[in-house]
Amino acid sequence: MRSFAIEAKACAGFPAEAESFHGPVRFGWDGWMGATRAESIDMAMTLDAIAAGSRQGISIKIER
């Protein structure tokens, strides 16, 4: 099995989420700059496949 690492700068997630939430609170949904519904579903499916693949030690194909 092949392994890899993803490196990311450590930061507090709450301020980033609060800044992201500012747009719709102040300007309505036109101010939303976050993920779309479809993008959110894609991310959830990807995370689910990563978790399943790591548990089973195999690659998981994502069907959409």
Protein backbone atom coordinates (compact mmCIF):
# COMPACT_ATOMS: atom_id res chain seq x y z
CA MET A 1 0.00 0.00 0.00
CA ARG A 2 1.30 3.45 -0.92
CA SER A 3 1.18 6.21 1.67
CA PHE A 4 1.55 9.95 1.40
CA ALA A 5 1.39 13.04 3.57
CA ILE A 6 -0.44 16.30 3.08
CA GLU A 7 1.17 19.26 4.78
CA ALA A 8 -0.78 22.37 5.66
CA LYS A 9 -0.03 25.45 7.69
CA ALA A 10 -1.55 25.20 11.15
CA CYS A 11 -4.19 27.81 11.88
CA ALA A 12 -7.30 28.25 13.95
CA GLY A 13 -10.36 27.25 11.92
CA PHE A 14 -12.90 29.32 13.83
CA PRO A 15 -11.69 32.77 12.63
CA ALA A 16 -11.67 31.53 9.02
CA GLU A 17 -15.22 30.20 9.38
CA ALA A 18 -16.37 33.41 11.05
CA GLU A 19 -14.90 35.52 8.24
CA SER A 20 -16.58 33.26 5.68
CA PHE A 21 -19.91 33.63 7.48
CA HIS A 22 -19.66 37.44 7.55
CA GLY A 23 -20.65 37.81 3.88
CA PRO A 24 -24.10 36.20 4.05
CA VAL A 25 -24.89 37.78 7.41
CA ARG A 26 -24.11 41.26 6.14
CA PHE A 27 -25.09 40.97 2.47
CA GLY A 28 -27.45 37.96 2.25
CA TRP A 29 -26.73 34.83 0.24
CA ASP A 30 -25.17 36.91 -2.55
CA GLY A 31 -22.31 37.50 -0.09
CA TRP A 32 -21.63 33.78 0.39
CA MET A 33 -18.21 32.82 -0.91
CA GLY A 34 -18.13 29.32 0.53
CA ALA A 35 -18.74 25.99 -1.13
CA THR A 36 -21.87 25.41 -3.16
CA ARG A 37 -24.25 22.60 -2.24
CA ALA A 38 -22.79 20.42 -5.02
CA GLU A 39 -19.22 21.17 -3.90
CA SER A 40 -20.14 20.29 -0.31
CA ILE A 41 -21.55 16.95 -1.45
CA ASP A 42 -18.40 16.28 -3.50
CA MET A 43 -16.19 17.06 -0.49
CA ALA A 44 -18.26 14.80 1.78
CA MET A 45 -18.08 11.95 -0.73
CA THR A 46 -14.31 12.43 -1.06
CA LEU A 47 -13.79 12.40 2.70
CA ASP A 48 -15.99 9.30 3.01
CA ALA A 49 -13.94 7.54 0.30
CA ILE A 50 -10.67 8.49 1.99
CA ALA A 51 -11.93 7.13 5.31
CA ALA A 52 -13.23 3.89 3.75
CA GLY A 53 -10.05 3.41 1.74
CA SER A 54 -7.84 3.92 4.75
CA ARG A 55 -9.87 1.45 6.82
CA GLN A 56 -9.76 -1.18 4.07
CA GLY A 57 -6.27 -0.39 2.77
CA ILE A 58 -7.54 0.06 -0.79
CA SER A 59 -8.36 2.84 -3.26
CA ILE A 60 -12.04 3.74 -3.41
CA LYS A 61 -13.57 4.97 -6.66
CA ILE A 62 -15.97 7.86 -6.22
CA GLU A 63 -19.08 7.55 -8.39
CA ARG A 64 -21.13 10.70 -8.93
